Amino acid sequence: MAAKRFAPKLKIKTGDKVVIIAGANKGQKGEVVEVFPKENRAIVNGVNLVKKHTKGTEENPGGINEIEAPIHISNMMLVDGKTGEPTRVGRKLVDGKLVRYSKKIRRNY
């Protein structure tokens, strides 16, 4: 029986601007809508669209809809707010709080 592992602390949060660095959607940019820490995945607005078939109801006519599918965290990088370039992110303790910073130019987020 495998031991249960705790979900690691992710460096990408809801609302962050990210760029996809691997896979079929490589190079696309978007904003993180939702993060799933246990699966190490996130949903990015307008990226990794898949077709979902839905059955019609009284309110919804149904049909084929395009929705965003989750992407693995390792396939995306945070975009620096000032330069607009992808950057690696570190975390450090400042005044008792963990603060994310850009490793490329050491800028706090």
PDB file of N, CA and C in Angstrom:
ATOM      1  N   MET A   1       0.837  -1.177   0.000  1.00  0.00           N
ATOM      2  CA  MET A   1       0.000   0.000   0.000  1.00  0.00           C
ATOM      3  C   MET A   1       0.889   1.251   0.000  1.00  0.00           C
ATOM      4  N   ALA A   2       0.620   2.136  -0.911  1.00  0.00           N
ATOM      5  CA  ALA A   2       1.429   3.350  -1.029  1.00  0.00           C
ATOM      6  C   ALA A   2       1.011   4.366   0.037  1.00  0.00           C
ATOM      7  N   ALA A   3       1.987   5.068   0.560  1.00  0.00           N
ATOM      8  CA  ALA A   3       1.707   6.094   1.565  1.00  0.00           C
ATOM      9  C   ALA A   3       1.106   7.310   0.883  1.00  0.00           C
ATOM     10  N   LYS A   4       0.167   7.959   1.567  1.00  0.00           N
ATOM     11  CA  LYS A   4      -0.438   9.168   1.016  1.00  0.00           C
ATOM     12  C   LYS A   4       0.544  10.320   1.120  1.00  0.00           C
ATOM     13  N   ARG A   5       0.625  11.101   0.057  1.00  0.00           N
ATOM     14  CA  ARG A   5       1.526  12.245   0.051  1.00  0.00           C
ATOM     15  C   ARG A   5       0.715  13.515   0.211  1.00  0.00           C
ATOM     16  N   PHE A   6       1.311  14.482   0.883  1.00  0.00           N
ATOM     17  CA  PHE A   6       0.656  15.768   1.023  1.00  0.00           C
ATOM     18  C   PHE A   6       0.830  16.570  -0.250  1.00  0.00           C
ATOM     19  N   ALA A   7      -0.145  17.397  -0.548  1.00  0.00           N
ATOM     20  CA  ALA A   7      -0.054  18.256  -1.735  1.00  0.00           C
ATOM     21  C   ALA A   7       1.017  19.313  -1.485  1.00  0.00           C
ATOM     22  N   PRO A   8       1.939  19.503  -2.438  1.00  0.00           N
ATOM     23  CA  PRO A   8       2.984  20.504  -2.237  1.00  0.00           C
ATOM     24  C   PRO A   8       2.428  21.918  -2.332  1.00  0.00           C
ATOM     25  N   LYS A   9       3.168  22.871  -1.780  1.00  0.00           N
ATOM     26  CA  LYS A   9       2.783  24.270  -1.876  1.00  0.00           C
ATOM     27  C   LYS A   9       3.053  24.729  -3.300  1.00  0.00           C
ATOM     28  N   LEU A  10       2.008  25.181  -3.990  1.00  0.00           N
ATOM     29  CA  LEU A  10       2.141  25.601  -5.378  1.00  0.00           C
ATOM     30  C   LEU A  10       2.549  27.060  -5.462  1.00  0.00           C
ATOM     31  N   LYS A  11       3.288  27.394  -6.502  1.00  0.00           N
ATOM     32  CA  LYS A  11       3.752  28.756  -6.686  1.00  0.00           C
ATOM     33  C   LYS A  11       2.864  29.517  -7.655  1.00  0.00           C
ATOM     34  N   ILE A  12       1.807  28.884  -8.141  1.00  0.00           N
ATOM     35  CA  ILE A  12       0.843  29.541  -9.030  1.00  0.00           C
ATOM     36  C   ILE A  12      -0.482  29.607  -8.296  1.00  0.00           C
ATOM     37  N   LYS A  13      -1.090  30.797  -8.316  1.00  0.00           N
ATOM     38  CA  LYS A  13      -2.351  31.010  -7.604  1.00  0.00           C
ATOM     39  C   LYS A  13      -3.432  31.477  -8.576  1.00  0.00           C
ATOM     40  N   THR A  14      -4.664  31.460  -8.115  1.00  0.00           N
ATOM     41  CA  THR A  14      -5.777  31.956  -8.904  1.00  0.00           C
ATOM     42  C   THR A  14      -5.581  33.442  -9.190  1.00  0.00           C
ATOM     43  N   GLY A  15      -5.780  33.838 -10.439  1.00  0.00           N
ATOM     44  CA  GLY A  15      -5.626  35.233 -10.826  1.00  0.00           C
ATOM     45  C   GLY A  15      -4.278  35.557 -11.426  1.00  0.00           C
ATOM     46  N   ASP A  16      -3.319  34.640 -11.354  1.00  0.00           N
ATOM     47  CA  ASP A  16      -1.996  34.879 -11.931  1.00  0.00           C
ATOM     48  C   ASP A  16      -2.047  34.808 -13.449  1.00  0.00           C
ATOM     49  N   LYS A  17      -1.190  35.581 -14.093  1.00  0.00           N
ATOM     50  CA  LYS A  17      -1.014  35.497 -15.537  1.00  0.00           C
ATOM     51  C   LYS A  17       0.090  34.478 -15.794  1.00  0.00           C
ATOM     52  N   VAL A  18      -0.183  33.493 -16.669  1.00  0.00           N
ATOM     53  CA  VAL A  18       0.787  32.444 -16.958  1.00  0.00           C
ATOM     54  C   VAL A  18       0.943  32.272 -18.458  1.00  0.00           C
ATOM     55  N   VAL A  19       2.056  31.644 -18.843  1.00  0.00           N
ATOM     56  CA  VAL A  19       2.294  31.263 -20.228  1.00  0.00           C
ATOM     57  C   VAL A  19       2.532  29.750 -20.222  1.00  0.00           C
ATOM     58  N   ILE A  20       1.978  29.064 -21.226  1.00  0.00           N
ATOM     59  CA  ILE A  20       2.135  27.622 -21.345  1.00  0.00           C
ATOM     60  C   ILE A  20       3.479  27.357 -22.022  1.00  0.00           C
ATOM     61  N   ILE A  21       4.314  26.518 -21.409  1.00  0.00           N
ATOM     62  CA  ILE A  21       5.665  26.295 -21.928  1.00  0.00           C
ATOM     63  C   ILE A  21       5.835  24.921 -22.564  1.00  0.00           C
ATOM     64  N   ALA A  22       4.829  24.053 -22.495  1.00  0.00           N
ATOM     65  CA  ALA A  22       4.950  22.717 -23.078  1.00  0.00           C
ATOM     66  C   ALA A  22       3.575  22.208 -23.475  1.00  0.00           C
ATOM     67  N   GLY A  23       3.560  21.294 -24.429  1.00  0.00           N
ATOM     68  CA  GLY A  23       2.316  20.673 -24.846  1.00  0.00           C
ATOM     69  C   GLY A  23       1.720  21.318 -26.079  1.00  0.00           C
ATOM     70  N   ALA A  24       0.499  20.933 -26.397  1.00  0.00           N
ATOM     71  CA  ALA A  24      -0.178  21.394 -27.611  1.00  0.00           C
ATOM     72  C   ALA A  24      -0.484  22.889 -27.582  1.00  0.00           C
ATOM     73  N   ASN A  25      -0.598  23.476 -26.400  1.00  0.00           N
ATOM     74  CA  ASN A  25      -0.938  24.895 -26.259  1.00  0.00           C
ATOM     75  C   ASN A  25       0.273  25.761 -25.968  1.00  0.00           C
ATOM     76  N   LYS A  26       1.462  25.296 -26.312  1.00  0.00           N
ATOM     77  CA  LYS A  26       2.707  25.998 -26.014  1.00  0.00           C
ATOM     78  C   LYS A  26       2.686  27.414 -26.575  1.00  0.00           C
ATOM     79  N   GLY A  27       3.063  28.391 -25.731  1.00  0.00           N
ATOM     80  CA  GLY A  27       3.141  29.780 -26.155  1.00  0.00           C
ATOM     81  C   GLY A  27       1.900  30.598 -25.851  1.00  0.00           C
ATOM     82  N   GLN A  28       0.790  29.960 -25.520  1.00  0.00           N
ATOM     83  CA  GLN A  28      -0.435  30.697 -25.225  1.00  0.00           C
ATOM     84  C   GLN A  28      -0.364  31.280 -23.817  1.00  0.00           C
ATOM     85  N   LYS A  29      -0.960  32.470 -23.663  1.00  0.00           N
ATOM     86  CA  LYS A  29      -0.998  33.137 -22.357  1.00  0.00           C
ATOM     87  C   LYS A  29      -2.436  33.217 -21.884  1.00  0.00           C
ATOM     88  N   GLY A  30      -2.612  33.272 -20.574  1.00  0.00           N
ATOM     89  CA  GLY A  30      -3.939  33.408 -20.006  1.00  0.00           C
ATOM     90  C   GLY A  30      -3.866  33.611 -18.512  1.00  0.00           C
ATOM     91  N   GLU A  31      -5.040  33.751 -17.912  1.00  0.00           N
ATOM     92  CA  GLU A  31      -5.147  33.969 -16.473  1.00  0.00           C
ATOM     93  C   GLU A  31      -5.657  32.697 -15.817  1.00  0.00           C
ATOM     94  N   VAL A  32      -5.089  32.356 -14.672  1.00  0.00           N
ATOM     95  CA  VAL A  32      -5.489  31.156 -13.947  1.00  0.00           C
ATOM     96  C   VAL A  32      -6.861  31.388 -13.323  1.00  0.00           C
ATOM     97  N   VAL A  33      -7.797  30.495 -13.638  1.00  0.00           N
ATOM     98  CA  VAL A  33      -9.164  30.612 -13.134  1.00  0.00           C
ATOM     99  C   VAL A  33      -9.343  29.792 -11.866  1.00  0.00           C
ATOM    100  N   GLU A  34      -8.751  28.591 -11.850  1.00  0.00           N
ATOM    101  CA  GLU A  34      -8.923  27.694 -10.711  1.00  0.00           C
ATOM    102  C   GLU A  34      -7.678  26.817 -10.587  1.00  0.00           C
ATOM    103  N   VAL A  35      -7.307  26.478  -9.341  1.00  0.00           N
ATOM    104  CA  VAL A  35      -6.141  25.647  -9.087  1.00  0.00           C
ATOM    105  C   VAL A  35      -6.582  24.413  -8.308  1.00  0.00           C
ATOM    106  N   PHE A  36      -6.049  23.240  -8.700  1.00  0.00           N
ATOM    107  CA  PHE A  36      -6.323  21.980  -8.013  1.00  0.00           C
ATOM    108  C   PHE A  36      -5.016  21.461  -7.415  1.00  0.00           C
ATOM    109  N   PRO A  37      -4.694  21.818  -6.158  1.00  0.00           N
ATOM    110  CA  PRO A  37      -3.397  21.469  -5.569  1.00  0.00           C
ATOM    111  C   PRO A  37      -3.161  19.960  -5.458  1.00  0.00           C
ATOM    112  N   LYS A  38      -4.181  19.176  -5.188  1.00  0.00           N
ATOM    113  CA  LYS A  38      -3.991  17.736  -5.023  1.00  0.00           C
ATOM    114  C   LYS A  38      -3.588  17.062  -6.331  1.00  0.00           C
ATOM    115  N   GLU A  39      -4.052  17.591  -7.449  1.00  0.00           N
ATOM    116  CA  GLU A  39      -3.703  17.021  -8.757  1.00  0.00           C
ATOM    117  C   GLU A  39      -2.556  17.761  -9.435  1.00  0.00           C
ATOM    118  N   ASN A  40      -2.066  18.851  -8.827  1.00  0.00           N
ATOM    119  CA  ASN A  40      -1.027  19.704  -9.426  1.00  0.00           C
ATOM    120  C   ASN A  40      -1.464  20.238 -10.782  1.00  0.00           C
ATOM    121  N   ARG A  41      -2.694  20.649 -10.897  1.00  0.00           N
ATOM    122  CA  ARG A  41      -3.234  21.148 -12.153  1.00  0.00           C
ATOM    123  C   ARG A  41      -3.950  22.475 -11.935  1.00  0.00           C
ATOM    124  N   ALA A  42      -4.122  23.216 -13.035  1.00  0.00           N
ATOM    125  CA  ALA A  42      -4.824  24.492 -12.973  1.00  0.00           C
ATOM    126  C   ALA A  42      -5.587  24.688 -14.274  1.00  0.00           C
ATOM    127  N   ILE A  43      -6.675  25.454 -14.203  1.00  0.00           N
ATOM    128  CA  ILE A  43      -7.448  25.820 -15.387  1.00  0.00           C
ATOM    129  C   ILE A  43      -7.058  27.242 -15.763  1.00  0.00           C
ATOM    130  N   VAL A  44      -6.676  27.421 -17.037  1.00  0.00           N
ATOM    131  CA  VAL A  44      -6.269  28.726 -17.542  1.00  0.00           C
ATOM    132  C   VAL A  44      -7.331  29.202 -18.521  1.00  0.00           C
ATOM    133  N   ASN A  45      -7.771  30.450 -18.368  1.00  0.00           N
ATOM    134  CA  ASN A  45      -8.835  31.020 -19.190  1.00  0.00           C
ATOM    135  C   ASN A  45      -8.437  31.053 -20.668  1.00  0.00           C
ATOM    136  N   GLY A  46      -9.236  30.406 -21.530  1.00  0.00           N
ATOM    137  CA  GLY A  46      -9.029  30.432 -22.969  1.00  0.00           C
ATOM    138  C   GLY A  46      -7.962  29.489 -23.488  1.00  0.00           C
ATOM    139  N   VAL A  47      -7.396  28.627 -22.644  1.00  0.00           N
ATOM    140  CA  VAL A  47      -6.336  27.706 -23.053  1.00  0.00           C
ATOM    141  C   VAL A  47      -6.790  26.271 -22.806  1.00  0.00           C
ATOM    142  N   ASN A  48      -6.352  25.352 -23.669  1.00  0.00           N
ATOM    143  CA  ASN A  48      -6.666  23.924 -23.576  1.00  0.00           C
ATOM    144  C   ASN A  48      -8.174  23.675 -23.646  1.00  0.00           C
ATOM    145  N   LEU A  49      -8.796  24.191 -24.687  1.00  0.00           N
ATOM    146  CA  LEU A  49     -10.235  24.030 -24.871  1.00  0.00           C
ATOM    147  C   LEU A  49     -10.559  22.629 -25.369  1.00  0.00           C
ATOM    148  N   VAL A  50     -11.564  22.005 -24.749  1.00  0.00           N
ATOM    149  CA  VAL A  50     -12.052  20.694 -25.171  1.00  0.00           C
ATOM    150  C   VAL A  50     -13.552  20.796 -25.385  1.00  0.00           C
ATOM    151  N   LYS A  51     -14.085  19.920 -26.225  1.00  0.00           N
ATOM    152  CA  LYS A  51     -15.519  19.920 -26.489  1.00  0.00           C
ATOM    153  C   LYS A  51     -16.215  18.999 -25.506  1.00  0.00           C
ATOM    154  N   LYS A  52     -17.288  19.509 -24.883  1.00  0.00           N
ATOM    155  CA  LYS A  52     -18.056  18.731 -23.925  1.00  0.00           C
ATOM    156  C   LYS A  52     -19.498  18.659 -24.398  1.00  0.00           C
ATOM    157  N   HIS A  53     -20.030  17.459 -24.456  1.00  0.00           N
ATOM    158  CA  HIS A  53     -21.419  17.265 -24.861  1.00  0.00           C
ATOM    159  C   HIS A  53     -22.309  17.378 -23.634  1.00  0.00           C
ATOM    160  N   THR A  54     -23.352  18.211 -23.706  1.00  0.00           N
ATOM    161  CA  THR A  54     -24.271  18.373 -22.583  1.00  0.00           C
ATOM    162  C   THR A  54     -25.685  18.077 -23.039  1.00  0.00           C
ATOM    163  N   LYS A  55     -26.428  17.434 -22.179  1.00  0.00           N
ATOM    164  CA  LYS A  55     -27.816  17.103 -22.469  1.00  0.00           C
ATOM    165  C   LYS A  55     -28.682  18.329 -22.213  1.00  0.00           C
ATOM    166  N   GLY A  56     -29.670  18.535 -23.040  1.00  0.00           N
ATOM    167  CA  GLY A  56     -30.533  19.700 -22.908  1.00  0.00           C
ATOM    168  C   GLY A  56     -31.483  19.604 -21.732  1.00  0.00           C
ATOM    169  N   THR A  57     -31.776  20.768 -21.144  1.00  0.00           N
ATOM    170  CA  THR A  57     -32.766  20.876 -20.081  1.00  0.00           C
ATOM    171  C   THR A  57     -33.714  22.007 -20.455  1.00  0.00           C
ATOM    172  N   GLU A  58     -34.616  22.361 -19.550  1.00  0.00           N
ATOM    173  CA  GLU A  58     -35.553  23.448 -19.838  1.00  0.00           C
ATOM    174  C   GLU A  58     -34.822  24.786 -19.983  1.00  0.00           C
ATOM    175  N   GLU A  59     -33.809  25.001 -19.139  1.00  0.00           N
ATOM    176  CA  GLU A  59     -33.071  26.266 -19.194  1.00  0.00           C
ATOM    177  C   GLU A  59     -31.962  26.234 -20.247  1.00  0.00           C
ATOM    178  N   ASN A  60     -31.333  25.078 -20.424  1.00  0.00           N
ATOM    179  CA  ASN A  60     -30.173  24.948 -21.299  1.00  0.00           C
ATOM    180  C   ASN A  60     -30.535  24.084 -22.505  1.00  0.00           C
ATOM    181  N   PRO A  61     -30.339  24.595 -23.714  1.00  0.00           N
ATOM    182  CA  PRO A  61     -30.702  23.785 -24.883  1.00  0.00           C
ATOM    183  C   PRO A  61     -29.776  22.590 -25.104  1.00  0.00           C
ATOM    184  N   GLY A  62     -28.613  22.572 -24.454  1.00  0.00           N
ATOM    185  CA  GLY A  62     -27.696  21.455 -24.627  1.00  0.00           C
ATOM    186  C   GLY A  62     -26.868  21.622 -25.895  1.00  0.00           C
ATOM    187  N   GLY A  63     -26.173  20.572 -26.282  1.00  0.00           N
ATOM    188  CA  GLY A  63     -25.349  20.603 -27.471  1.00  0.00           C
ATOM    189  C   GLY A  63     -23.888  20.380 -27.127  1.00  0.00           C
ATOM    190  N   ILE A  64     -23.010  20.866 -28.000  1.00  0.00           N
ATOM    191  CA  ILE A  64     -21.572  20.704 -27.822  1.00  0.00           C
ATOM    192  C   ILE A  64     -20.979  22.043 -27.400  1.00  0.00           C
ATOM    193  N   ASN A  65     -20.410  22.088 -26.210  1.00  0.00           N
ATOM    194  CA  ASN A  65     -19.826  23.312 -25.666  1.00  0.00           C
ATOM    195  C   ASN A  65     -18.316  23.154 -25.542  1.00  0.00           C
ATOM    196  N   GLU A  66     -17.590  24.255 -25.675  1.00  0.00           N
ATOM    197  CA  GLU A  66     -16.147  24.237 -25.453  1.00  0.00           C
ATOM    198  C   GLU A  66     -15.859  24.749 -24.049  1.00  0.00           C
ATOM    199  N   ILE A  67     -15.109  23.957 -23.286  1.00  0.00           N
ATOM    200  CA  ILE A  67     -14.720  24.354 -21.932  1.00  0.00           C
ATOM    201  C   ILE A  67     -13.206  24.210 -21.794  1.00  0.00           C
ATOM    202  N   GLU A  68     -12.639  24.863 -20.765  1.00  0.00           N
ATOM    203  CA  GLU A  68     -11.211  24.756 -20.499  1.00  0.00           C
ATOM    204  C   GLU A  68     -10.952  23.513 -19.660  1.00  0.00           C
ATOM    205  N   ALA A  69      -9.950  22.736 -20.055  1.00  0.00           N
ATOM    206  CA  ALA A  69      -9.548  21.559 -19.294  1.00  0.00           C
ATOM    207  C   ALA A  69      -8.320  21.924 -18.460  1.00  0.00           C
ATOM    208  N   PRO A  70      -8.119  21.227 -17.335  1.00  0.00           N
ATOM    209  CA  PRO A  70      -6.957  21.521 -16.494  1.00  0.00           C
ATOM    210  C   PRO A  70      -5.638  21.188 -17.190  1.00  0.00           C
ATOM    211  N   ILE A  71      -4.591  21.952 -16.861  1.00  0.00           N
ATOM    212  CA  ILE A  71      -3.246  21.745 -17.374  1.00  0.00           C
ATOM    213  C   ILE A  71      -2.328  21.527 -16.185  1.00  0.00           C
ATOM    214  N   HIS A  72      -1.337  20.665 -16.352  1.00  0.00           N
ATOM    215  CA  HIS A  72      -0.400  20.400 -15.263  1.00  0.00           C
ATOM    216  C   HIS A  72       0.428  21.649 -14.966  1.00  0.00           C
ATOM    217  N   ILE A  73       0.680  21.875 -13.676  1.00  0.00           N
ATOM    218  CA  ILE A  73       1.408  23.058 -13.226  1.00  0.00           C
ATOM    219  C   ILE A  73       2.810  23.131 -13.847  1.00  0.00           C
ATOM    220  N   SER A  74       3.436  21.989 -14.082  1.00  0.00           N
ATOM    221  CA  SER A  74       4.796  21.978 -14.616  1.00  0.00           C
ATOM    222  C   SER A  74       4.853  22.485 -16.054  1.00  0.00           C
ATOM    223  N   ASN A  75       3.716  22.559 -16.730  1.00  0.00           N
ATOM    224  CA  ASN A  75       3.671  23.014 -18.117  1.00  0.00           C
ATOM    225  C   ASN A  75       3.383  24.506 -18.239  1.00  0.00           C
ATOM    226  N   MET A  76       3.426  25.236 -17.132  1.00  0.00           N
ATOM    227  CA  MET A  76       3.169  26.678 -17.193  1.00  0.00           C
ATOM    228  C   MET A  76       4.177  27.429 -16.339  1.00  0.00           C
ATOM    229  N   MET A  77       4.410  28.695 -16.719  1.00  0.00           N
ATOM    230  CA  MET A  77       5.295  29.575 -15.969  1.00  0.00           C
ATOM    231  C   MET A  77       4.577  30.876 -15.690  1.00  0.00           C
ATOM    232  N   LEU A  78       4.849  31.437 -14.548  1.00  0.00           N
ATOM    233  CA  LEU A  78       4.282  32.725 -14.178  1.00  0.00           C
ATOM    234  C   LEU A  78       4.882  33.820 -15.043  1.00  0.00           C
ATOM    235  N   VAL A  79       4.049  34.787 -15.446  1.00  0.00           N
ATOM    236  CA  VAL A  79       4.514  35.915 -16.247  1.00  0.00           C
ATOM    237  C   VAL A  79       4.805  37.080 -15.320  1.00  0.00           C
ATOM    238  N   ASP A  80       5.994  37.675 -15.478  1.00  0.00           N
ATOM    239  CA  ASP A  80       6.386  38.829 -14.679  1.00  0.00           C
ATOM    240  C   ASP A  80       5.461  39.992 -15.013  1.00  0.00           C
ATOM    241  N   GLY A  81       4.919  40.652 -14.003  1.00  0.00           N
ATOM    242  CA  GLY A  81       3.955  41.725 -14.205  1.00  0.00           C
ATOM    243  C   GLY A  81       4.525  42.960 -14.875  1.00  0.00           C
ATOM    244  N   LYS A  82       5.808  43.223 -14.693  1.00  0.00           N
ATOM    245  CA  LYS A  82       6.389  44.439 -15.251  1.00  0.00           C
ATOM    246  C   LYS A  82       7.037  44.223 -16.610  1.00  0.00           C
ATOM    247  N   THR A  83       7.738  43.095 -16.795  1.00  0.00           N
ATOM    248  CA  THR A  83       8.415  42.861 -18.067  1.00  0.00           C
ATOM    249  C   THR A  83       7.561  42.064 -19.040  1.00  0.00           C
ATOM    250  N   GLY A  84       6.597  41.300 -18.540  1.00  0.00           N
ATOM    251  CA  GLY A  84       5.749  40.486 -19.407  1.00  0.00           C
ATOM    252  C   GLY A  84       6.417  39.205 -19.875  1.00  0.00           C
ATOM    253  N   GLU A  85       7.564  38.863 -19.306  1.00  0.00           N
ATOM    254  CA  GLU A  85       8.289  37.659 -19.686  1.00  0.00           C
ATOM    255  C   GLU A  85       8.044  36.546 -18.669  1.00  0.00           C
ATOM    256  N   PRO A  86       8.121  35.280 -19.110  1.00  0.00           N
ATOM    257  CA  PRO A  86       7.997  34.173 -18.159  1.00  0.00           C
ATOM    258  C   PRO A  86       9.172  34.181 -17.192  1.00  0.00           C
ATOM    259  N   THR A  87       8.912  33.846 -15.943  1.00  0.00           N
ATOM    260  CA  THR A  87       9.964  33.857 -14.935  1.00  0.00           C
ATOM    261  C   THR A  87       9.741  32.734 -13.936  1.00  0.00           C
ATOM    262  N   ARG A  88      10.839  32.263 -13.365  1.00  0.00           N
ATOM    263  CA  ARG A  88      10.745  31.309 -12.274  1.00  0.00           C
ATOM    264  C   ARG A  88      10.403  32.071 -11.006  1.00  0.00           C
ATOM    265  N   VAL A  89       9.749  31.371 -10.077  1.00  0.00           N
ATOM    266  CA  VAL A  89       9.262  32.036  -8.871  1.00  0.00           C
ATOM    267  C   VAL A  89       9.858  31.371  -7.643  1.00  0.00           C
ATOM    268  N   GLY A  90      10.297  32.190  -6.701  1.00  0.00           N
ATOM    269  CA  GLY A  90      10.765  31.696  -5.421  1.00  0.00           C
ATOM    270  C   GLY A  90       9.884  32.238  -4.317  1.00  0.00           C
ATOM    271  N   ARG A  91      10.071  31.682  -3.107  1.00  0.00           N
ATOM    272  CA  ARG A  91       9.322  32.178  -1.955  1.00  0.00           C
ATOM    273  C   ARG A  91      10.309  32.459  -0.844  1.00  0.00           C
ATOM    274  N   LYS A  92      10.110  33.586  -0.148  1.00  0.00           N
ATOM    275  CA  LYS A  92      10.967  33.913   0.983  1.00  0.00           C
ATOM    276  C   LYS A  92      10.119  34.519   2.088  1.00  0.00           C
ATOM    277  N   LEU A  93      10.647  34.462   3.283  1.00  0.00           N
ATOM    278  CA  LEU A  93       9.936  34.959   4.449  1.00  0.00           C
ATOM    279  C   LEU A  93      10.280  36.427   4.653  1.00  0.00           C
ATOM    280  N   VAL A  94       9.249  37.291   4.587  1.00  0.00           N
ATOM    281  CA  VAL A  94       9.428  38.722   4.797  1.00  0.00           C
ATOM    282  C   VAL A  94       8.401  39.170   5.831  1.00  0.00           C
ATOM    283  N   ASP A  95       8.872  39.668   6.964  1.00  0.00           N
ATOM    284  CA  ASP A  95       8.003  40.139   8.049  1.00  0.00           C
ATOM    285  C   ASP A  95       6.997  39.078   8.477  1.00  0.00           C
ATOM    286  N   GLY A  96       7.435  37.831   8.553  1.00  0.00           N
ATOM    287  CA  GLY A  96       6.559  36.756   9.015  1.00  0.00           C
ATOM    288  C   GLY A  96       5.596  36.229   7.978  1.00  0.00           C
ATOM    289  N   LYS A  97       5.678  36.703   6.734  1.00  0.00           N
ATOM    290  CA  LYS A  97       4.793  36.232   5.660  1.00  0.00           C
ATOM    291  C   LYS A  97       5.628  35.696   4.514  1.00  0.00           C
ATOM    292  N   LEU A  98       5.133  34.636   3.860  1.00  0.00           N
ATOM    293  CA  LEU A  98       5.809  34.133   2.676  1.00  0.00           C
ATOM    294  C   LEU A  98       5.461  35.031   1.494  1.00  0.00           C
ATOM    295  N   VAL A  99       6.484  35.511   0.792  1.00  0.00           N
ATOM    296  CA  VAL A  99       6.301  36.408  -0.340  1.00  0.00           C
ATOM    297  C   VAL A  99       6.906  35.749  -1.568  1.00  0.00           C
ATOM    298  N   ARG A 100       6.196  35.782  -2.676  1.00  0.00           N
ATOM    299  CA  ARG A 100       6.735  35.255  -3.926  1.00  0.00           C
ATOM    300  C   ARG A 100       7.584  36.326  -4.593  1.00  0.00           C
ATOM    301  N   TYR A 101       8.677  35.896  -5.228  1.00  0.00           N
ATOM    302  CA  TYR A 101       9.521  36.850  -5.938  1.00  0.00           C
ATOM    303  C   TYR A 101      10.014  36.229  -7.235  1.00  0.00           C
ATOM    304  N   SER A 102      10.329  37.088  -8.197  1.00  0.00           N
ATOM    305  CA  SER A 102      10.848  36.665  -9.483  1.00  0.00           C
ATOM    306  C   SER A 102      12.319  36.333  -9.328  1.00  0.00           C
ATOM    307  N   LYS A 103      12.707  35.123  -9.716  1.00  0.00           N
ATOM    308  CA  LYS A 103      14.103  34.722  -9.567  1.00  0.00           C
ATOM    309  C   LYS A 103      14.986  35.376 -10.613  1.00  0.00           C
ATOM    310  N   LYS A 104      14.409  35.787 -11.733  1.00  0.00           N
ATOM    311  CA  LYS A 104      15.206  36.375 -12.809  1.00  0.00           C
ATOM    312  C   LYS A 104      15.747  37.732 -12.400  1.00  0.00           C
ATOM    313  N   ILE A 105      14.892  38.564 -11.811  1.00  0.00           N
ATOM    314  CA  ILE A 105      15.328  39.916 -11.458  1.00  0.00           C
ATOM    315  C   ILE A 105      15.023  40.272 -10.005  1.00  0.00           C
ATOM    316  N   ARG A 106      14.673  39.277  -9.201  1.00  0.00           N
ATOM    317  CA  ARG A 106      14.448  39.466  -7.765  1.00  0.00           C
ATOM    318  C   ARG A 106      13.401  40.531  -7.461  1.00  0.00           C
ATOM    319  N   ARG A 107      12.261  40.465  -8.117  1.00  0.00           N
ATOM    320  CA  ARG A 107      11.189  41.438  -7.879  1.00  0.00           C
ATOM    321  C   ARG A 107      10.070  40.746  -7.116  1.00  0.00           C
ATOM    322  N   ASN A 108       9.550  41.380  -6.069  1.00  0.00           N
ATOM    323  CA  ASN A 108       8.440  40.822  -5.285  1.00  0.00           C
ATOM    324  C   ASN A 108       7.142  40.923  -6.059  1.00  0.00           C
ATOM    325  N   TYR A 109       6.230  39.977  -5.811  1.00  0.00           N
ATOM    326  CA  TYR A 109       4.912  40.001  -6.449  1.00  0.00           C
ATOM    327  C   TYR A 109       3.891  40.494  -5.475  1.00  0.00           C
TER     328      TYR A 109
END
